[in-house]
Amino acid sequence: MPQKRVRIRHVQQEHKSGCLVACIAMVLGWEYDDVVTHFKNDFDRCGIDGELAKEFICEHRYSVIEKRGSHYGDVKEHNKRMLEPFAPVHIVSVQQFKDSGKISHALVMDSKGNVLDPHDPGIKEVECYEVLHIMGFWKD
């Protein structure tokens, strides 16, 4: 069954740790500030995790399929497999640098594999060390 094409408007993160807030706004078609009002975090100090983002989006009439990868060895091949689009809109969690440990960044990817980075609107493809987790969303 062909995927429904979804037009995604870029939303810039306004806080140091607001990448998932901006991703939620892009998936739902909301403004950044409208998403922030639903959370009590100080997003300049601490963001939210993917599990909370998923729950919030699904509460707004979306379904989700998740993909988590593990690999031994070739990170480039792993990333290529992980970044194959499978939903109208995705949130992609990445480890930006090899030495950044568990610190991750979130991006939005459309059904064609185009990327919207809430930190840098000029980025058009995933630039990272490793893709950690992808959530694909469908509007119910």
N, C-alpha and C. Protein backbone atom coordinates (compact mmCIF):
# COMPACT_ATOMS: atom_id res chain seq x y z
N MET A 1 0.84 -1.18 0.00
CA MET A 1 0.00 0.00 0.00
C MET A 1 0.89 1.24 0.00
N PRO A 2 0.67 2.19 -0.91
CA PRO A 2 1.52 3.38 -0.99
C PRO A 2 1.37 4.25 0.26
N GLN A 3 2.49 4.87 0.65
CA GLN A 3 2.46 5.75 1.81
C GLN A 3 1.84 7.09 1.44
N LYS A 4 1.08 7.62 2.37
CA LYS A 4 0.49 8.94 2.18
C LYS A 4 1.60 9.99 2.34
N ARG A 5 1.71 10.86 1.37
CA ARG A 5 2.73 11.93 1.41
C ARG A 5 2.28 12.99 2.40
N VAL A 6 3.16 13.33 3.33
CA VAL A 6 2.87 14.33 4.35
C VAL A 6 3.82 15.51 4.15
N ARG A 7 3.26 16.70 4.11
CA ARG A 7 4.10 17.90 4.00
C ARG A 7 4.50 18.31 5.41
N ILE A 8 5.80 18.41 5.63
CA ILE A 8 6.33 18.72 6.95
C ILE A 8 6.96 20.11 6.92
N ARG A 9 6.55 20.94 7.85
CA ARG A 9 7.11 22.29 7.98
C ARG A 9 8.23 22.26 9.01
N HIS A 10 9.40 22.81 8.65
CA HIS A 10 10.53 22.84 9.57
C HIS A 10 10.20 23.69 10.80
N VAL A 11 10.54 23.17 11.98
CA VAL A 11 10.40 23.91 13.24
C VAL A 11 11.78 23.93 13.89
N GLN A 12 12.24 25.12 14.22
CA GLN A 12 13.54 25.32 14.83
C GLN A 12 13.44 25.11 16.34
N GLN A 13 14.41 24.38 16.92
CA GLN A 13 14.43 24.26 18.37
C GLN A 13 14.85 25.60 18.96
N GLU A 14 14.20 25.98 20.06
CA GLU A 14 14.47 27.28 20.67
C GLU A 14 15.24 27.16 21.98
N HIS A 15 15.51 25.93 22.40
CA HIS A 15 16.27 25.68 23.61
C HIS A 15 17.41 24.72 23.30
N LYS A 16 18.44 24.72 24.13
CA LYS A 16 19.59 23.85 23.95
C LYS A 16 19.18 22.38 23.84
N SER A 17 18.22 21.95 24.65
CA SER A 17 17.78 20.55 24.67
C SER A 17 16.36 20.40 24.15
N GLY A 18 16.00 21.19 23.16
CA GLY A 18 14.64 21.19 22.64
C GLY A 18 14.45 20.49 21.31
N CYS A 19 15.38 19.61 20.93
CA CYS A 19 15.27 18.99 19.61
C CYS A 19 14.02 18.11 19.50
N LEU A 20 13.70 17.33 20.55
CA LEU A 20 12.50 16.49 20.46
C LEU A 20 11.22 17.31 20.51
N VAL A 21 11.25 18.42 21.20
CA VAL A 21 10.08 19.32 21.20
C VAL A 21 9.82 19.79 19.78
N ALA A 22 10.87 20.22 19.10
CA ALA A 22 10.73 20.68 17.72
C ALA A 22 10.28 19.54 16.80
N CYS A 23 10.80 18.33 17.04
CA CYS A 23 10.38 17.17 16.23
C CYS A 23 8.90 16.87 16.43
N ILE A 24 8.45 16.92 17.67
CA ILE A 24 7.02 16.71 17.94
C ILE A 24 6.20 17.75 17.19
N ALA A 25 6.63 19.00 17.26
CA ALA A 25 5.92 20.08 16.55
C ALA A 25 5.86 19.82 15.06
N MET A 26 6.96 19.31 14.48
CA MET A 26 6.97 19.02 13.04
C MET A 26 6.01 17.88 12.71
N VAL A 27 6.00 16.83 13.51
CA VAL A 27 5.12 15.69 13.25
C VAL A 27 3.65 16.11 13.37
N LEU A 28 3.32 16.87 14.42
CA LEU A 28 1.92 17.24 14.67
C LEU A 28 1.47 18.46 13.87
N GLY A 29 2.42 19.21 13.30
CA GLY A 29 2.06 20.44 12.58
C GLY A 29 1.76 21.58 13.53
N TRP A 30 2.37 21.57 14.70
CA TRP A 30 2.17 22.60 15.72
C TRP A 30 3.33 23.59 15.71
N GLU A 31 3.18 24.63 16.53
CA GLU A 31 4.26 25.56 16.80
C GLU A 31 5.09 25.02 17.96
N TYR A 32 6.36 25.38 18.01
CA TYR A 32 7.27 24.93 19.07
C TYR A 32 6.71 25.27 20.45
N ASP A 33 6.31 26.52 20.65
CA ASP A 33 5.82 26.97 21.96
C ASP A 33 4.57 26.22 22.40
N ASP A 34 3.75 25.79 21.46
CA ASP A 34 2.55 25.03 21.82
C ASP A 34 2.92 23.66 22.41
N VAL A 35 3.99 23.06 21.92
CA VAL A 35 4.45 21.78 22.47
C VAL A 35 5.08 22.00 23.84
N VAL A 36 5.91 23.03 23.98
CA VAL A 36 6.60 23.30 25.24
C VAL A 36 5.62 23.42 26.40
N THR A 37 4.47 24.02 26.16
CA THR A 37 3.50 24.23 27.25
C THR A 37 2.99 22.93 27.87
N HIS A 38 3.16 21.82 27.19
CA HIS A 38 2.69 20.53 27.70
C HIS A 38 3.71 19.82 28.60
N PHE A 39 4.88 20.39 28.76
CA PHE A 39 5.93 19.78 29.56
C PHE A 39 6.44 20.76 30.61
N LYS A 40 6.97 20.23 31.70
CA LYS A 40 7.47 21.07 32.80
C LYS A 40 8.99 21.22 32.79
N ASN A 41 9.64 20.69 31.78
CA ASN A 41 11.11 20.73 31.71
C ASN A 41 11.65 22.14 31.53
N ASP A 42 12.88 22.33 32.00
CA ASP A 42 13.69 23.48 31.63
C ASP A 42 14.53 23.00 30.45
N PHE A 43 14.06 23.25 29.24
CA PHE A 43 14.69 22.69 28.05
C PHE A 43 16.06 23.29 27.74
N ASP A 44 16.49 24.30 28.49
CA ASP A 44 17.86 24.77 28.35
C ASP A 44 18.81 23.85 29.10
N ARG A 45 18.27 23.05 30.02
CA ARG A 45 19.10 22.15 30.85
C ARG A 45 18.89 20.68 30.53
N CYS A 46 17.64 20.29 30.20
CA CYS A 46 17.34 18.87 30.04
C CYS A 46 16.17 18.68 29.08
N GLY A 47 16.35 17.79 28.13
CA GLY A 47 15.28 17.52 27.17
C GLY A 47 14.39 16.38 27.63
N ILE A 48 13.52 15.94 26.74
CA ILE A 48 12.67 14.78 27.01
C ILE A 48 13.23 13.60 26.24
N ASP A 49 12.79 12.40 26.59
CA ASP A 49 13.29 11.23 25.88
C ASP A 49 12.30 10.79 24.80
N GLY A 50 12.76 9.89 23.95
CA GLY A 50 11.95 9.42 22.83
C GLY A 50 10.68 8.73 23.26
N GLU A 51 10.71 8.04 24.39
CA GLU A 51 9.52 7.34 24.89
C GLU A 51 8.40 8.34 25.21
N LEU A 52 8.74 9.43 25.87
CA LEU A 52 7.76 10.46 26.20
C LEU A 52 7.25 11.15 24.94
N ALA A 53 8.14 11.40 23.99
CA ALA A 53 7.74 12.01 22.71
C ALA A 53 6.75 11.10 21.99
N LYS A 54 7.05 9.79 21.96
CA LYS A 54 6.17 8.82 21.29
C LYS A 54 4.79 8.81 21.95
N GLU A 55 4.74 8.75 23.27
CA GLU A 55 3.46 8.74 23.99
C GLU A 55 2.66 10.00 23.68
N PHE A 56 3.33 11.15 23.68
CA PHE A 56 2.65 12.42 23.42
C PHE A 56 2.05 12.43 22.01
N ILE A 57 2.83 12.02 21.02
CA ILE A 57 2.34 12.01 19.64
C ILE A 57 1.18 11.02 19.49
N CYS A 58 1.32 9.84 20.08
CA CYS A 58 0.25 8.83 19.97
C CYS A 58 -1.03 9.26 20.68
N GLU A 59 -0.91 10.08 21.71
CA GLU A 59 -2.10 10.64 22.37
C GLU A 59 -2.87 11.58 21.45
N HIS A 60 -2.22 12.01 20.38
CA HIS A 60 -2.84 12.93 19.42
C HIS A 60 -3.20 12.22 18.11
N ARG A 61 -3.63 10.98 18.26
CA ARG A 61 -4.21 10.19 17.18
C ARG A 61 -3.21 9.77 16.10
N TYR A 62 -2.06 9.34 16.54
CA TYR A 62 -1.06 8.77 15.64
C TYR A 62 -0.75 7.35 16.08
N SER A 63 -0.38 6.52 15.13
CA SER A 63 0.14 5.19 15.40
C SER A 63 1.64 5.21 15.10
N VAL A 64 2.36 4.28 15.72
CA VAL A 64 3.81 4.28 15.58
C VAL A 64 4.33 2.86 15.37
N ILE A 65 5.38 2.75 14.57
CA ILE A 65 6.18 1.54 14.49
C ILE A 65 7.62 1.99 14.75
N GLU A 66 8.31 1.24 15.60
CA GLU A 66 9.68 1.60 15.97
C GLU A 66 10.69 0.62 15.38
N LYS A 67 11.86 1.14 15.12
CA LYS A 67 12.96 0.33 14.60
C LYS A 67 14.20 0.69 15.42
N ARG A 68 14.77 -0.33 16.05
CA ARG A 68 16.02 -0.16 16.79
C ARG A 68 17.04 -1.09 16.18
N GLY A 69 18.22 -0.61 16.02
CA GLY A 69 19.22 -1.45 15.40
C GLY A 69 20.36 -1.77 16.34
N SER A 70 20.98 -2.87 16.08
CA SER A 70 22.25 -3.17 16.73
C SER A 70 23.14 -3.76 15.65
N HIS A 71 24.40 -3.59 15.81
CA HIS A 71 25.31 -4.04 14.76
C HIS A 71 26.65 -4.36 15.38
N TYR A 72 27.43 -5.04 14.64
CA TYR A 72 28.81 -5.28 15.02
C TYR A 72 29.65 -4.92 13.80
N GLY A 73 30.39 -3.86 13.92
CA GLY A 73 31.29 -3.55 12.83
C GLY A 73 30.94 -2.34 12.02
N ASP A 74 30.33 -2.53 10.86
CA ASP A 74 30.19 -1.49 9.85
C ASP A 74 29.04 -0.52 10.17
N VAL A 75 29.38 0.59 10.79
CA VAL A 75 28.39 1.59 11.19
C VAL A 75 27.73 2.22 9.96
N LYS A 76 28.50 2.43 8.88
CA LYS A 76 27.92 3.04 7.68
C LYS A 76 26.82 2.17 7.08
N GLU A 77 27.03 0.88 7.00
CA GLU A 77 25.99 -0.04 6.49
C GLU A 77 24.80 -0.08 7.42
N HIS A 78 25.06 -0.11 8.71
CA HIS A 78 23.99 -0.08 9.71
C HIS A 78 23.13 1.17 9.52
N ASN A 79 23.76 2.34 9.41
CA ASN A 79 23.03 3.59 9.24
C ASN A 79 22.21 3.58 7.95
N LYS A 80 22.79 3.05 6.88
CA LYS A 80 22.08 2.99 5.60
C LYS A 80 20.80 2.15 5.72
N ARG A 81 20.90 1.00 6.37
CA ARG A 81 19.72 0.14 6.57
C ARG A 81 18.69 0.83 7.44
N MET A 82 19.14 1.46 8.51
CA MET A 82 18.22 2.10 9.46
C MET A 82 17.48 3.28 8.82
N LEU A 83 18.12 3.98 7.89
CA LEU A 83 17.53 5.20 7.33
C LEU A 83 16.66 4.95 6.11
N GLU A 84 16.24 3.72 5.87
CA GLU A 84 15.29 3.46 4.80
C GLU A 84 13.90 3.87 5.30
N PRO A 85 13.27 4.88 4.68
CA PRO A 85 11.97 5.36 5.15
C PRO A 85 10.90 4.26 5.07
N PHE A 86 10.02 4.21 6.06
CA PHE A 86 8.96 3.21 6.07
C PHE A 86 7.62 3.78 6.51
N ALA A 87 7.55 5.08 6.79
CA ALA A 87 6.32 5.72 7.27
C ALA A 87 6.20 7.10 6.62
N PRO A 88 5.03 7.73 6.76
CA PRO A 88 4.90 9.09 6.21
C PRO A 88 5.84 10.10 6.87
N VAL A 89 6.10 9.93 8.18
CA VAL A 89 6.99 10.83 8.91
C VAL A 89 7.69 10.02 10.00
N HIS A 90 8.96 10.34 10.24
CA HIS A 90 9.77 9.61 11.22
C HIS A 90 10.47 10.58 12.14
N ILE A 91 10.71 10.14 13.37
CA ILE A 91 11.66 10.81 14.27
C ILE A 91 12.85 9.88 14.39
N VAL A 92 14.03 10.42 14.10
CA VAL A 92 15.27 9.65 14.09
C VAL A 92 16.16 10.12 15.23
N SER A 93 16.54 9.20 16.10
CA SER A 93 17.45 9.50 17.20
C SER A 93 18.85 9.06 16.79
N VAL A 94 19.81 9.98 16.91
CA VAL A 94 21.16 9.69 16.45
C VAL A 94 22.19 10.01 17.53
N GLN A 95 23.29 9.27 17.51
CA GLN A 95 24.48 9.62 18.27
C GLN A 95 25.31 10.46 17.31
N GLN A 96 25.47 11.73 17.61
CA GLN A 96 26.09 12.63 16.65
C GLN A 96 27.57 12.35 16.42
N PHE A 97 28.30 12.02 17.48
CA PHE A 97 29.74 11.84 17.36
C PHE A 97 30.14 10.53 18.04
N LYS A 98 31.20 9.91 17.56
CA LYS A 98 31.63 8.63 18.11
C LYS A 98 31.88 8.71 19.61
N ASP A 99 32.40 9.83 20.07
CA ASP A 99 32.75 9.96 21.49
C ASP A 99 31.68 10.66 22.32
N SER A 100 30.46 10.83 21.78
CA SER A 100 29.42 11.54 22.53
C SER A 100 28.61 10.64 23.46
N GLY A 101 28.93 9.36 23.51
CA GLY A 101 28.27 8.45 24.44
C GLY A 101 26.77 8.40 24.24
N LYS A 102 26.03 8.48 25.33
CA LYS A 102 24.57 8.35 25.27
C LYS A 102 23.87 9.65 24.89
N ILE A 103 24.62 10.72 24.71
CA ILE A 103 24.01 11.99 24.31
C ILE A 103 23.56 11.85 22.88
N SER A 104 22.28 12.13 22.64
CA SER A 104 21.75 11.97 21.29
C SER A 104 21.03 13.23 20.82
N HIS A 105 20.70 13.23 19.57
CA HIS A 105 20.00 14.33 18.92
C HIS A 105 18.85 13.73 18.12
N ALA A 106 17.77 14.46 17.97
CA ALA A 106 16.61 13.97 17.23
C ALA A 106 16.39 14.81 15.98
N LEU A 107 16.00 14.13 14.91
CA LEU A 107 15.73 14.74 13.61
C LEU A 107 14.39 14.21 13.10
N VAL A 108 13.84 14.86 12.12
CA VAL A 108 12.63 14.37 11.46
C VAL A 108 13.01 13.96 10.04
N MET A 109 12.45 12.83 9.59
CA MET A 109 12.69 12.35 8.23
C MET A 109 11.34 12.11 7.57
N ASP A 110 11.19 12.52 6.32
CA ASP A 110 9.93 12.29 5.61
C ASP A 110 9.94 10.94 4.91
N SER A 111 8.89 10.66 4.15
CA SER A 111 8.74 9.37 3.49
C SER A 111 9.73 9.15 2.35
N LYS A 112 10.42 10.20 1.92
CA LYS A 112 11.42 10.09 0.85
C LYS A 112 12.84 10.03 1.39
N GLY A 113 13.00 10.17 2.70
CA GLY A 113 14.32 10.16 3.30
C GLY A 113 14.93 11.54 3.48
N ASN A 114 14.17 12.59 3.18
CA ASN A 114 14.65 13.96 3.40
C ASN A 114 14.60 14.27 4.89
N VAL A 115 15.60 15.00 5.37
CA VAL A 115 15.74 15.25 6.80
C VAL A 115 15.51 16.71 7.13
N LEU A 116 14.84 16.93 8.26
CA LEU A 116 14.69 18.27 8.82
C LEU A 116 15.34 18.23 10.20
N ASP A 117 16.40 19.02 10.37
CA ASP A 117 17.13 19.07 11.63
C ASP A 117 16.64 20.28 12.42
N PRO A 118 16.10 20.07 13.62
CA PRO A 118 15.59 21.22 14.38
C PRO A 118 16.67 22.18 14.82
N HIS A 119 17.92 21.73 14.81
CA HIS A 119 19.02 22.60 15.20
C HIS A 119 19.56 23.41 14.02
N ASP A 120 19.55 22.82 12.84
CA ASP A 120 20.14 23.45 11.66
C ASP A 120 19.25 23.23 10.44
N PRO A 121 18.49 24.26 10.03
CA PRO A 121 17.58 24.09 8.89
C PRO A 121 18.28 23.83 7.57
N GLY A 122 19.60 24.02 7.51
CA GLY A 122 20.34 23.80 6.27
C GLY A 122 20.69 22.35 6.03
N ILE A 123 20.62 21.51 7.05
CA ILE A 123 20.97 20.09 6.92
C ILE A 123 19.85 19.37 6.17
N LYS A 124 20.20 18.62 5.14
CA LYS A 124 19.20 17.91 4.34
C LYS A 124 19.34 16.40 4.42
N GLU A 125 20.42 15.92 5.04
CA GLU A 125 20.57 14.48 5.22
C GLU A 125 21.17 14.24 6.60
N VAL A 126 21.02 13.04 7.09
CA VAL A 126 21.49 12.73 8.42
C VAL A 126 23.02 12.76 8.45
N GLU A 127 23.54 13.59 9.34
CA GLU A 127 24.98 13.66 9.57
C GLU A 127 25.22 13.23 11.01
N CYS A 128 25.71 12.00 11.18
CA CYS A 128 25.89 11.49 12.53
C CYS A 128 26.88 10.33 12.51
N TYR A 129 27.24 9.91 13.72
CA TYR A 129 28.07 8.71 13.83
C TYR A 129 27.19 7.47 13.69
N GLU A 130 26.08 7.42 14.46
CA GLU A 130 25.26 6.21 14.44
C GLU A 130 23.78 6.53 14.62
N VAL A 131 22.94 5.86 13.84
CA VAL A 131 21.49 5.95 14.01
C VAL A 131 21.10 4.97 15.12
N LEU A 132 20.43 5.49 16.15
CA LEU A 132 20.10 4.67 17.32
C LEU A 132 18.70 4.09 17.27
N HIS A 133 17.75 4.90 16.80
CA HIS A 133 16.33 4.53 16.96
C HIS A 133 15.50 5.34 15.97
N ILE A 134 14.52 4.72 15.37
CA ILE A 134 13.60 5.44 14.47
C ILE A 134 12.18 5.10 14.85
N MET A 135 11.35 6.13 14.91
CA MET A 135 9.92 5.95 15.13
C MET A 135 9.21 6.45 13.88
N GLY A 136 8.40 5.60 13.26
CA GLY A 136 7.62 5.97 12.09
C GLY A 136 6.18 6.21 12.51
N PHE A 137 5.60 7.33 12.09
CA PHE A 137 4.26 7.73 12.54
C PHE A 137 3.26 7.80 11.37
N TRP A 138 2.04 7.36 11.66
CA TRP A 138 0.90 7.46 10.75
C TRP A 138 -0.24 8.14 11.48
N LYS A 139 -0.89 9.07 10.81
CA LYS A 139 -2.08 9.72 11.38
C LYS A 139 -3.23 8.73 11.35
N ASP A 140 -3.89 8.50 12.49
CA ASP A 140 -5.04 7.58 12.56
C ASP A 140 -6.29 8.22 11.98
